[in-house]
Protein backbone atom coordinates (compact mmCIF):
# COMPACT_ATOMS: atom_id res chain seq x y z
CA MET A 1 6.15 6.54 -17.11
CA LYS A 2 8.25 6.52 -20.24
CA THR A 3 10.71 8.96 -18.69
CA LEU A 4 11.93 6.62 -15.96
CA ILE A 5 15.70 6.61 -15.77
CA PRO A 6 17.77 3.48 -15.10
CA HIS A 7 19.65 3.56 -11.81
CA LYS A 8 23.18 3.80 -13.26
CA GLN A 9 22.77 6.92 -15.38
CA ASN A 10 24.42 10.20 -14.50
CA LYS A 11 22.89 13.13 -12.60
CA LYS A 12 22.31 15.20 -15.73
CA ASP A 13 20.11 12.46 -17.22
CA PHE A 14 18.30 12.08 -13.89
CA TYR A 15 17.37 15.77 -13.72
CA GLU A 16 16.38 15.88 -17.38
CA GLY A 17 14.05 12.93 -16.74
CA GLY A 18 12.40 14.89 -13.91
CA GLU A 19 11.93 17.87 -16.22
CA ASN A 20 10.33 15.60 -18.82
CA MET A 21 7.86 14.34 -16.22
CA GLN A 22 7.02 17.94 -15.28
CA ASN A 23 6.46 18.83 -18.93
CA THR A 24 4.00 15.95 -19.45
CA ALA A 25 2.10 16.50 -16.18
CA GLY A 26 0.20 19.52 -17.50
CA PRO A 27 0.43 23.28 -17.11
CA GLU A 28 -1.12 23.42 -13.62
CA SER A 29 0.69 20.39 -12.21
CA ASN A 30 3.86 20.11 -10.19
CA VAL A 31 6.09 17.06 -9.99
CA ILE A 32 8.24 16.45 -6.94
CA LEU A 33 10.67 13.60 -7.45
CA PHE A 34 12.26 11.73 -4.52
CA SER A 35 15.09 9.31 -5.15
CA SER A 36 17.74 7.55 -3.12
CA GLY A 37 20.86 5.67 -4.06
CA LYS A 38 20.37 2.98 -1.42
CA GLY A 39 17.72 1.38 0.71
CA GLY A 40 17.09 2.39 4.29
CA SER A 41 17.73 6.09 3.74
CA GLY A 42 14.16 7.12 4.57
CA CYS A 43 13.24 8.30 1.08
CA SER A 44 9.87 6.47 1.03
CA PHE A 45 9.03 7.77 4.49
CA ILE A 46 9.87 11.36 3.55
CA ALA A 47 7.91 11.15 0.28
CA SER A 48 4.89 9.68 2.11
CA THR A 49 5.06 12.31 4.84
CA ILE A 50 5.31 15.22 2.40
CA ALA A 51 2.49 13.84 0.22
CA THR A 52 0.25 13.49 3.29
CA TYR A 53 1.14 16.99 4.49
CA LEU A 54 0.43 18.56 1.08
CA ALA A 55 -2.89 16.71 0.81
CA ARG A 56 -3.99 18.02 4.21
CA LYS A 57 -2.70 21.59 3.91
CA THR A 58 -3.50 22.45 0.28
CA SER A 59 -6.56 22.23 -1.91
CA SER A 60 -4.62 20.28 -4.53
CA ASN A 61 -5.03 16.64 -5.42
CA ILE A 62 -1.83 14.80 -4.55
CA LEU A 63 -0.80 11.56 -6.27
CA LEU A 64 1.97 9.56 -4.63
CA LEU A 65 3.32 7.21 -7.29
CA ASP A 66 5.61 4.73 -5.56
CA LEU A 67 7.95 3.15 -8.11
CA ASN A 68 10.08 1.27 -5.57
CA THR A 69 9.06 -2.18 -6.77
CA GLY A 70 11.48 -4.00 -4.49
CA LYS A 71 9.91 -2.72 -1.27
CA ARG A 72 6.47 -2.45 0.25
CA ASP A 73 7.12 0.68 2.31
CA SER A 74 4.12 2.68 1.09
CA ARG A 75 1.82 -0.26 1.76
CA ILE A 76 3.01 -0.33 5.37
CA VAL A 77 2.98 3.45 5.92
CA PHE A 78 -0.59 3.78 4.61
CA ASP A 79 -1.79 0.44 6.05
CA VAL A 80 -2.84 -1.03 2.70
CA ASP A 81 -0.82 -4.23 2.90
CA ASN A 82 -3.76 -6.63 2.98
CA GLY A 83 -3.55 -7.66 -0.69
CA SER A 84 -6.98 -6.31 -1.64
CA TYR A 85 -5.57 -3.40 -3.67
CA ARG A 86 -4.47 -3.53 -7.29
CA ASP A 87 -0.87 -2.72 -8.15
CA PHE A 88 1.57 -2.47 -11.07
CA GLY A 89 1.58 -6.26 -11.35
CA ASP A 90 -2.00 -6.03 -12.59
CA ILE A 91 -0.88 -4.20 -15.74
CA LYS A 92 -0.52 -6.74 -18.53
CA ASN A 93 -0.02 -4.41 -21.50
CA PRO A 94 3.08 -2.41 -22.47
CA VAL A 95 3.24 1.04 -20.85
CA ASP A 96 2.50 2.78 -24.16
CA SER A 97 -0.88 1.05 -24.48
CA ILE A 98 -2.25 1.42 -20.94
CA ASP A 99 -5.82 2.69 -20.91
CA THR A 100 -6.85 5.48 -18.52
CA SER A 101 -9.48 3.20 -16.97
CA VAL A 102 -6.75 0.72 -15.99
CA LEU A 103 -4.78 3.47 -14.25
CA LYS A 104 -7.88 4.64 -12.39
CA ARG A 105 -8.37 1.15 -10.97
CA LEU A 106 -4.81 1.25 -9.59
CA VAL A 107 -5.37 4.45 -7.60
CA ILE A 108 -6.16 4.17 -3.89
CA ASN A 109 -8.15 7.23 -2.79
CA PHE A 110 -7.99 8.47 0.79
CA ASP A 111 -10.48 10.77 2.59
CA ASN A 112 -8.42 13.88 1.95
CA SER A 113 -7.01 14.74 -1.48
CA LEU A 114 -4.28 12.08 -1.28
CA HIS A 115 -4.19 9.34 -3.91
CA LEU A 116 -1.72 6.46 -3.99
CA ILE A 117 -0.44 4.04 -6.63
CA ILE A 118 1.68 1.24 -5.18
CA PRO A 119 4.09 -1.29 -6.67
């Protein structure tokens, strides 16, 4: 989470941030980063669709981490908009001091290998 890049930085910084996330994910992990410059482009829909597809067609665990705090698209796509799920707003501590148990409580697990963290 420390490698998030502010919206107005250049493309080089954006791609380097993605590489940093890949480097911290672990040797057997892959990071796919979806980003859009404006709302309504379908980025959340595409990310959700690809995450669902990968969870169904591979034996890998897939984590969809939705960082679009201004929208509730993932909540709608996955029908988890009833307010009973924890989200980023439940994190009270600075990012550097978040305990693993707190992160585990944020994850919504589906029947297949898809896991979701929503804003």
